[in-house]
Amino acid sequence: MTSWLDHAACRDVDPEIFFPTGVGVVADRQAVRAKEVCRRCPVAPECLSWAQVHASADGVWGGLDAGERRELRRSRRRQAEQGAA
């Protein structure tokens, strides 16, 4: 098991809140609740890194939802391309 998980704020939280289903107000509220847990998590950066490395397409990881993680990857890719030019 990944050692950072031992320190995760979500260890004792129902994992379903991190995987909102559907779209709309209910799913949005669920994502907000998940991100609130992430904000107080001491290992959120490790969690986010894990999700990025493993290309997790669903859920809230490290305080970001799937769309936010996609945008982060795009932004990092653009920065790397600009740095290489």
PDB file of N, CA and C in Angstrom:
ATOM      1  N   MET A   1       0.847  -1.185   0.000  1.00  0.00           N
ATOM      2  CA  MET A   1       0.000   0.000   0.000  1.00  0.00           C
ATOM      3  C   MET A   1       0.892   1.248   0.000  1.00  0.00           C
ATOM      4  N   THR A   2       0.404   2.297  -0.557  1.00  0.00           N
ATOM      5  CA  THR A   2       1.145   3.545  -0.621  1.00  0.00           C
ATOM      6  C   THR A   2       1.161   4.202   0.759  1.00  0.00           C
ATOM      7  N   SER A   3       2.354   4.507   1.276  1.00  0.00           N
ATOM      8  CA  SER A   3       2.482   4.995   2.651  1.00  0.00           C
ATOM      9  C   SER A   3       1.767   6.321   2.900  1.00  0.00           C
ATOM     10  N   TRP A   4       1.685   7.193   1.897  1.00  0.00           N
ATOM     11  CA  TRP A   4       1.021   8.474   2.131  1.00  0.00           C
ATOM     12  C   TRP A   4      -0.455   8.279   2.454  1.00  0.00           C
ATOM     13  N   LEU A   5      -1.032   7.174   1.996  1.00  0.00           N
ATOM     14  CA  LEU A   5      -2.444   6.920   2.281  1.00  0.00           C
ATOM     15  C   LEU A   5      -2.722   6.804   3.778  1.00  0.00           C
ATOM     16  N   ASP A   6      -1.720   6.371   4.526  1.00  0.00           N
ATOM     17  CA  ASP A   6      -1.892   6.255   5.976  1.00  0.00           C
ATOM     18  C   ASP A   6      -2.175   7.595   6.634  1.00  0.00           C
ATOM     19  N   HIS A   7      -1.819   8.681   5.971  1.00  0.00           N
ATOM     20  CA  HIS A   7      -1.975  10.021   6.542  1.00  0.00           C
ATOM     21  C   HIS A   7      -3.099  10.824   5.870  1.00  0.00           C
ATOM     22  N   ALA A   8      -3.811  10.206   4.962  1.00  0.00           N
ATOM     23  CA  ALA A   8      -4.841  10.906   4.196  1.00  0.00           C
ATOM     24  C   ALA A   8      -6.054  11.264   5.057  1.00  0.00           C
ATOM     25  N   ALA A   9      -6.560  12.465   4.870  1.00  0.00           N
ATOM     26  CA  ALA A   9      -7.742  12.925   5.606  1.00  0.00           C
ATOM     27  C   ALA A   9      -8.986  12.136   5.221  1.00  0.00           C
ATOM     28  N   CYS A  10      -8.957  11.507   4.061  1.00  0.00           N
ATOM     29  CA  CYS A  10     -10.129  10.778   3.565  1.00  0.00           C
ATOM     30  C   CYS A  10     -10.209   9.341   4.064  1.00  0.00           C
ATOM     31  N   ARG A  11      -9.233   8.906   4.831  1.00  0.00           N
ATOM     32  CA  ARG A  11      -9.205   7.509   5.282  1.00  0.00           C
ATOM     33  C   ARG A  11     -10.506   7.054   5.927  1.00  0.00           C
ATOM     34  N   ASP A  12     -11.130   7.911   6.692  1.00  0.00           N
ATOM     35  CA  ASP A  12     -12.344   7.534   7.414  1.00  0.00           C
ATOM     36  C   ASP A  12     -13.603   8.167   6.832  1.00  0.00           C
ATOM     37  N   VAL A  13     -13.513   8.586   5.570  1.00  0.00           N
ATOM     38  CA  VAL A  13     -14.642   9.237   4.895  1.00  0.00           C
ATOM     39  C   VAL A  13     -15.189   8.272   3.851  1.00  0.00           C
ATOM     40  N   ASP A  14     -16.493   8.270   3.684  1.00  0.00           N
ATOM     41  CA  ASP A  14     -17.121   7.423   2.673  1.00  0.00           C
ATOM     42  C   ASP A  14     -16.519   7.742   1.305  1.00  0.00           C
ATOM     43  N   PRO A  15     -15.878   6.787   0.641  1.00  0.00           N
ATOM     44  CA  PRO A  15     -15.214   7.056  -0.630  1.00  0.00           C
ATOM     45  C   PRO A  15     -16.159   7.501  -1.742  1.00  0.00           C
ATOM     46  N   GLU A  16     -17.430   7.224  -1.602  1.00  0.00           N
ATOM     47  CA  GLU A  16     -18.378   7.601  -2.647  1.00  0.00           C
ATOM     48  C   GLU A  16     -18.434   9.105  -2.875  1.00  0.00           C
ATOM     49  N   ILE A  17     -18.152   9.914  -1.832  1.00  0.00           N
ATOM     50  CA  ILE A  17     -18.227  11.362  -2.046  1.00  0.00           C
ATOM     51  C   ILE A  17     -17.146  11.840  -3.008  1.00  0.00           C
ATOM     52  N   PHE A  18     -16.097  11.055  -3.188  1.00  0.00           N
ATOM     53  CA  PHE A  18     -15.005  11.448  -4.077  1.00  0.00           C
ATOM     54  C   PHE A  18     -15.269  11.058  -5.530  1.00  0.00           C
ATOM     55  N   PHE A  19     -16.382  10.389  -5.768  1.00  0.00           N
ATOM     56  CA  PHE A  19     -16.747   9.971  -7.115  1.00  0.00           C
ATOM     57  C   PHE A  19     -18.197  10.351  -7.410  1.00  0.00           C
ATOM     58  N   PRO A  20     -18.441  11.662  -7.565  1.00  0.00           N
ATOM     59  CA  PRO A  20     -19.804  12.122  -7.840  1.00  0.00           C
ATOM     60  C   PRO A  20     -20.353  11.474  -9.114  1.00  0.00           C
ATOM     61  N   THR A  21     -21.604  11.123  -9.063  1.00  0.00           N
ATOM     62  CA  THR A  21     -22.241  10.530 -10.232  1.00  0.00           C
ATOM     63  C   THR A  21     -23.216  11.520 -10.837  1.00  0.00           C
ATOM     64  N   GLY A  22     -23.292  11.492 -12.148  1.00  0.00           N
ATOM     65  CA  GLY A  22     -24.196  12.376 -12.849  1.00  0.00           C
ATOM     66  C   GLY A  22     -23.662  13.790 -12.942  1.00  0.00           C
ATOM     67  N   VAL A  23     -24.565  14.681 -13.275  1.00  0.00           N
ATOM     68  CA  VAL A  23     -24.238  16.101 -13.377  1.00  0.00           C
ATOM     69  C   VAL A  23     -25.320  16.889 -12.664  1.00  0.00           C
ATOM     70  N   GLY A  24     -25.018  18.124 -12.364  1.00  0.00           N
ATOM     71  CA  GLY A  24     -26.012  18.961 -11.728  1.00  0.00           C
ATOM     72  C   GLY A  24     -25.692  19.261 -10.285  1.00  0.00           C
ATOM     73  N   VAL A  25     -26.677  19.771  -9.595  1.00  0.00           N
ATOM     74  CA  VAL A  25     -26.505  20.291  -8.241  1.00  0.00           C
ATOM     75  C   VAL A  25     -26.036  19.215  -7.265  1.00  0.00           C
ATOM     76  N   VAL A  26     -26.611  18.038  -7.310  1.00  0.00           N
ATOM     77  CA  VAL A  26     -26.253  16.980  -6.366  1.00  0.00           C
ATOM     78  C   VAL A  26     -24.800  16.568  -6.560  1.00  0.00           C
ATOM     79  N   ALA A  27     -24.391  16.348  -7.779  1.00  0.00           N
ATOM     80  CA  ALA A  27     -23.000  15.972  -8.067  1.00  0.00           C
ATOM     81  C   ALA A  27     -22.047  17.107  -7.699  1.00  0.00           C
ATOM     82  N   ASP A  28     -22.446  18.327  -7.971  1.00  0.00           N
ATOM     83  CA  ASP A  28     -21.609  19.481  -7.617  1.00  0.00           C
ATOM     84  C   ASP A  28     -21.401  19.578  -6.106  1.00  0.00           C
ATOM     85  N   ARG A  29     -22.464  19.371  -5.350  1.00  0.00           N
ATOM     86  CA  ARG A  29     -22.363  19.413  -3.881  1.00  0.00           C
ATOM     87  C   ARG A  29     -21.445  18.310  -3.368  1.00  0.00           C
ATOM     88  N   GLN A  30     -21.557  17.154  -3.975  1.00  0.00           N
ATOM     89  CA  GLN A  30     -20.722  16.022  -3.585  1.00  0.00           C
ATOM     90  C   GLN A  30     -19.247  16.346  -3.830  1.00  0.00           C
ATOM     91  N   ALA A  31     -18.936  16.934  -4.981  1.00  0.00           N
ATOM     92  CA  ALA A  31     -17.557  17.315  -5.303  1.00  0.00           C
ATOM     93  C   ALA A  31     -17.055  18.381  -4.331  1.00  0.00           C
ATOM     94  N   VAL A  32     -17.897  19.323  -3.969  1.00  0.00           N
ATOM     95  CA  VAL A  32     -17.516  20.363  -3.011  1.00  0.00           C
ATOM     96  C   VAL A  32     -17.168  19.733  -1.666  1.00  0.00           C
ATOM     97  N   ARG A  33     -17.978  18.778  -1.212  1.00  0.00           N
ATOM     98  CA  ARG A  33     -17.695  18.095   0.059  1.00  0.00           C
ATOM     99  C   ARG A  33     -16.369  17.351  -0.014  1.00  0.00           C
ATOM    100  N   ALA A  34     -16.120  16.683  -1.125  1.00  0.00           N
ATOM    101  CA  ALA A  34     -14.861  15.954  -1.290  1.00  0.00           C
ATOM    102  C   ALA A  34     -13.680  16.914  -1.258  1.00  0.00           C
ATOM    103  N   LYS A  35     -13.791  18.034  -1.950  1.00  0.00           N
ATOM    104  CA  LYS A  35     -12.702  19.013  -1.988  1.00  0.00           C
ATOM    105  C   LYS A  35     -12.461  19.640  -0.616  1.00  0.00           C
ATOM    106  N   GLU A  36     -13.514  19.755   0.202  1.00  0.00           N
ATOM    107  CA  GLU A  36     -13.345  20.265   1.571  1.00  0.00           C
ATOM    108  C   GLU A  36     -12.462  19.316   2.379  1.00  0.00           C
ATOM    109  N   VAL A  37     -12.654  18.014   2.197  1.00  0.00           N
ATOM    110  CA  VAL A  37     -11.801  17.032   2.873  1.00  0.00           C
ATOM    111  C   VAL A  37     -10.367  17.195   2.378  1.00  0.00           C
ATOM    112  N   CYS A  38     -10.196  17.340   1.086  1.00  0.00           N
ATOM    113  CA  CYS A  38      -8.858  17.484   0.500  1.00  0.00           C
ATOM    114  C   CYS A  38      -8.143  18.731   1.011  1.00  0.00           C
ATOM    115  N   ARG A  39      -8.878  19.809   1.218  1.00  0.00           N
ATOM    116  CA  ARG A  39      -8.254  21.058   1.681  1.00  0.00           C
ATOM    117  C   ARG A  39      -7.589  20.912   3.040  1.00  0.00           C
ATOM    118  N   ARG A  40      -8.084  20.010   3.852  1.00  0.00           N
ATOM    119  CA  ARG A  40      -7.486  19.830   5.176  1.00  0.00           C
ATOM    120  C   ARG A  40      -6.556  18.617   5.217  1.00  0.00           C
ATOM    121  N   CYS A  41      -6.239  18.066   4.056  1.00  0.00           N
ATOM    122  CA  CYS A  41      -5.438  16.853   3.996  1.00  0.00           C
ATOM    123  C   CYS A  41      -3.944  17.177   3.897  1.00  0.00           C
ATOM    124  N   PRO A  42      -3.138  16.581   4.772  1.00  0.00           N
ATOM    125  CA  PRO A  42      -1.703  16.842   4.733  1.00  0.00           C
ATOM    126  C   PRO A  42      -0.987  16.186   3.553  1.00  0.00           C
ATOM    127  N   VAL A  43      -1.630  15.247   2.893  1.00  0.00           N
ATOM    128  CA  VAL A  43      -0.973  14.557   1.778  1.00  0.00           C
ATOM    129  C   VAL A  43      -1.685  14.790   0.448  1.00  0.00           C
ATOM    130  N   ALA A  44      -2.430  15.870   0.336  1.00  0.00           N
ATOM    131  CA  ALA A  44      -3.125  16.177  -0.914  1.00  0.00           C
ATOM    132  C   ALA A  44      -2.167  16.265  -2.105  1.00  0.00           C
ATOM    133  N   PRO A  45      -0.981  16.865  -1.966  1.00  0.00           N
ATOM    134  CA  PRO A  45      -0.073  16.901  -3.126  1.00  0.00           C
ATOM    135  C   PRO A  45       0.338  15.500  -3.596  1.00  0.00           C
ATOM    136  N   GLU A  46       0.568  14.587  -2.666  1.00  0.00           N
ATOM    137  CA  GLU A  46       0.926  13.223  -3.031  1.00  0.00           C
ATOM    138  C   GLU A  46      -0.234  12.526  -3.727  1.00  0.00           C
ATOM    139  N   CYS A  47      -1.427  12.775  -3.239  1.00  0.00           N
ATOM    140  CA  CYS A  47      -2.642  12.204  -3.824  1.00  0.00           C
ATOM    141  C   CYS A  47      -2.822  12.698  -5.258  1.00  0.00           C
ATOM    142  N   LEU A  48      -2.674  13.988  -5.448  1.00  0.00           N
ATOM    143  CA  LEU A  48      -2.805  14.566  -6.783  1.00  0.00           C
ATOM    144  C   LEU A  48      -1.747  13.998  -7.713  1.00  0.00           C
ATOM    145  N   SER A  49      -0.542  13.896  -7.242  1.00  0.00           N
ATOM    146  CA  SER A  49       0.540  13.341  -8.049  1.00  0.00           C
ATOM    147  C   SER A  49       0.227  11.901  -8.446  1.00  0.00           C
ATOM    148  N   TRP A  50      -0.268  11.110  -7.507  1.00  0.00           N
ATOM    149  CA  TRP A  50      -0.629   9.725  -7.803  1.00  0.00           C
ATOM    150  C   TRP A  50      -1.682   9.670  -8.902  1.00  0.00           C
ATOM    151  N   ALA A  51      -2.705  10.515  -8.778  1.00  0.00           N
ATOM    152  CA  ALA A  51      -3.779  10.531  -9.774  1.00  0.00           C
ATOM    153  C   ALA A  51      -3.253  10.937 -11.143  1.00  0.00           C
ATOM    154  N   GLN A  52      -2.305  11.876 -11.188  1.00  0.00           N
ATOM    155  CA  GLN A  52      -1.741  12.320 -12.457  1.00  0.00           C
ATOM    156  C   GLN A  52      -0.886  11.215 -13.078  1.00  0.00           C
ATOM    157  N   VAL A  53      -0.060  10.574 -12.289  1.00  0.00           N
ATOM    158  CA  VAL A  53       0.811   9.505 -12.798  1.00  0.00           C
ATOM    159  C   VAL A  53      -0.016   8.326 -13.306  1.00  0.00           C
ATOM    160  N   HIS A  54      -1.081   8.001 -12.601  1.00  0.00           N
ATOM    161  CA  HIS A  54      -1.905   6.850 -12.963  1.00  0.00           C
ATOM    162  C   HIS A  54      -3.067   7.222 -13.878  1.00  0.00           C
ATOM    163  N   ALA A  55      -3.071   8.466 -14.329  1.00  0.00           N
ATOM    164  CA  ALA A  55      -4.095   8.953 -15.271  1.00  0.00           C
ATOM    165  C   ALA A  55      -5.511   8.615 -14.819  1.00  0.00           C
ATOM    166  N   SER A  56      -5.779   8.864 -13.555  1.00  0.00           N
ATOM    167  CA  SER A  56      -7.116   8.629 -13.030  1.00  0.00           C
ATOM    168  C   SER A  56      -8.091   9.596 -13.685  1.00  0.00           C
ATOM    169  N   ALA A  57      -9.060   9.057 -14.385  1.00  0.00           N
ATOM    170  CA  ALA A  57      -9.989   9.888 -15.151  1.00  0.00           C
ATOM    171  C   ALA A  57     -11.224  10.293 -14.357  1.00  0.00           C
ATOM    172  N   ASP A  58     -11.448   9.671 -13.222  1.00  0.00           N
ATOM    173  CA  ASP A  58     -12.661   9.923 -12.460  1.00  0.00           C
ATOM    174  C   ASP A  58     -12.344  10.377 -11.049  1.00  0.00           C
ATOM    175  N   GLY A  59     -13.299  11.031 -10.445  1.00  0.00           N
ATOM    176  CA  GLY A  59     -13.218  11.357  -9.036  1.00  0.00           C
ATOM    177  C   GLY A  59     -12.426  12.606  -8.704  1.00  0.00           C
ATOM    178  N   VAL A  60     -12.430  12.898  -7.412  1.00  0.00           N
ATOM    179  CA  VAL A  60     -11.681  14.020  -6.853  1.00  0.00           C
ATOM    180  C   VAL A  60     -10.446  13.427  -6.193  1.00  0.00           C
ATOM    181  N   TRP A  61      -9.283  13.887  -6.632  1.00  0.00           N
ATOM    182  CA  TRP A  61      -7.996  13.434  -6.109  1.00  0.00           C
ATOM    183  C   TRP A  61      -7.159  14.655  -5.806  1.00  0.00           C
ATOM    184  N   GLY A  62      -6.619  14.735  -4.621  1.00  0.00           N
ATOM    185  CA  GLY A  62      -5.750  15.851  -4.271  1.00  0.00           C
ATOM    186  C   GLY A  62      -6.434  17.197  -4.370  1.00  0.00           C
ATOM    187  N   GLY A  63      -7.741  17.215  -4.258  1.00  0.00           N
ATOM    188  CA  GLY A  63      -8.492  18.467  -4.283  1.00  0.00           C
ATOM    189  C   GLY A  63      -8.949  18.930  -5.652  1.00  0.00           C
ATOM    190  N   LEU A  64      -8.653  18.139  -6.693  1.00  0.00           N
ATOM    191  CA  LEU A  64      -9.066  18.525  -8.047  1.00  0.00           C
ATOM    192  C   LEU A  64      -9.973  17.460  -8.648  1.00  0.00           C
ATOM    193  N   ASP A  65     -10.988  17.907  -9.383  1.00  0.00           N
ATOM    194  CA  ASP A  65     -11.834  16.951 -10.082  1.00  0.00           C
ATOM    195  C   ASP A  65     -11.193  16.597 -11.430  1.00  0.00           C
ATOM    196  N   ALA A  66     -11.803  15.713 -12.173  1.00  0.00           N
ATOM    197  CA  ALA A  66     -11.218  15.219 -13.414  1.00  0.00           C
ATOM    198  C   ALA A  66     -10.938  16.340 -14.417  1.00  0.00           C
ATOM    199  N   GLY A  67     -11.861  17.264 -14.558  1.00  0.00           N
ATOM    200  CA  GLY A  67     -11.667  18.384 -15.484  1.00  0.00           C
ATOM    201  C   GLY A  67     -10.522  19.285 -15.059  1.00  0.00           C
ATOM    202  N   GLU A  68     -10.422  19.533 -13.776  1.00  0.00           N
ATOM    203  CA  GLU A  68      -9.330  20.370 -13.266  1.00  0.00           C
ATOM    204  C   GLU A  68      -7.982  19.684 -13.449  1.00  0.00           C
ATOM    205  N   ARG A  69      -7.947  18.358 -13.269  1.00  0.00           N
ATOM    206  CA  ARG A  69      -6.689  17.629 -13.489  1.00  0.00           C
ATOM    207  C   ARG A  69      -6.299  17.635 -14.960  1.00  0.00           C
ATOM    208  N   ARG A  70      -7.273  17.509 -15.859  1.00  0.00           N
ATOM    209  CA  ARG A  70      -6.981  17.590 -17.300  1.00  0.00           C
ATOM    210  C   ARG A  70      -6.380  18.946 -17.642  1.00  0.00           C
ATOM    211  N   GLU A  71      -6.964  20.001 -17.106  1.00  0.00           N
ATOM    212  CA  GLU A  71      -6.454  21.352 -17.377  1.00  0.00           C
ATOM    213  C   GLU A  71      -5.050  21.514 -16.797  1.00  0.00           C
ATOM    214  N   LEU A  72      -4.800  20.964 -15.633  1.00  0.00           N
ATOM    215  CA  LEU A  72      -3.465  21.027 -15.046  1.00  0.00           C
ATOM    216  C   LEU A  72      -2.449  20.317 -15.951  1.00  0.00           C
ATOM    217  N   ARG A  73      -2.808  19.143 -16.467  1.00  0.00           N
ATOM    218  CA  ARG A  73      -1.908  18.423 -17.385  1.00  0.00           C
ATOM    219  C   ARG A  73      -1.639  19.254 -18.633  1.00  0.00           C
ATOM    220  N   ARG A  74      -2.685  19.850 -19.197  1.00  0.00           N
ATOM    221  CA  ARG A  74      -2.518  20.689 -20.391  1.00  0.00           C
ATOM    222  C   ARG A  74      -1.591  21.865 -20.106  1.00  0.00           C
ATOM    223  N   SER A  75      -1.809  22.505 -18.970  1.00  0.00           N
ATOM    224  CA  SER A  75      -1.003  23.659 -18.602  1.00  0.00           C
ATOM    225  C   SER A  75       0.460  23.259 -18.426  1.00  0.00           C
ATOM    226  N   ARG A  76       0.700  22.155 -17.772  1.00  0.00           N
ATOM    227  CA  ARG A  76       2.081  21.682 -17.580  1.00  0.00           C
ATOM    228  C   ARG A  76       2.719  21.308 -18.905  1.00  0.00           C
ATOM    229  N   ARG A  77       1.936  20.702 -19.787  1.00  0.00           N
ATOM    230  CA  ARG A  77       2.450  20.340 -21.110  1.00  0.00           C
ATOM    231  C   ARG A  77       2.837  21.597 -21.894  1.00  0.00           C
ATOM    232  N   ARG A  78       1.977  22.617 -21.850  1.00  0.00           N
ATOM    233  CA  ARG A  78       2.279  23.877 -22.553  1.00  0.00           C
ATOM    234  C   ARG A  78       3.536  24.518 -21.992  1.00  0.00           C
ATOM    235  N   GLN A  79       3.668  24.524 -20.665  1.00  0.00           N
ATOM    236  CA  GLN A  79       4.864  25.092 -20.041  1.00  0.00           C
ATOM    237  C   GLN A  79       6.124  24.340 -20.461  1.00  0.00           C
ATOM    238  N   ALA A  80       6.018  23.027 -20.519  1.00  0.00           N
ATOM    239  CA  ALA A  80       7.184  22.215 -20.924  1.00  0.00           C
ATOM    240  C   ALA A  80       7.543  22.487 -22.382  1.00  0.00           C
ATOM    241  N   GLU A  81       6.536  22.641 -23.220  1.00  0.00           N
ATOM    242  CA  GLU A  81       6.780  22.918 -24.636  1.00  0.00           C
ATOM    243  C   GLU A  81       7.416  24.289 -24.810  1.00  0.00           C
ATOM    244  N   GLN A  82       6.961  25.275 -24.035  1.00  0.00           N
ATOM    245  CA  GLN A  82       7.522  26.616 -24.118  1.00  0.00           C
ATOM    246  C   GLN A  82       8.947  26.632 -23.597  1.00  0.00           C
ATOM    247  N   GLY A  83       9.222  25.823 -22.581  1.00  0.00           N
ATOM    248  CA  GLY A  83      10.558  25.744 -22.030  1.00  0.00           C
ATOM    249  C   GLY A  83      11.538  25.075 -22.984  1.00  0.00           C
ATOM    250  N   ALA A  84      11.020  24.171 -23.809  1.00  0.00           N
ATOM    251  CA  ALA A  84      11.857  23.443 -24.756  1.00  0.00           C
ATOM    252  C   ALA A  84      12.123  24.267 -26.010  1.00  0.00           C
ATOM    253  N   ALA A  85      11.313  25.282 -26.233  1.00  0.00           N
ATOM    254  CA  ALA A  85      11.450  26.074 -27.470  1.00  0.00           C
ATOM    255  C   ALA A  85      12.548  27.093 -27.378  1.00  0.00           C
TER     256      ALA A  85
END
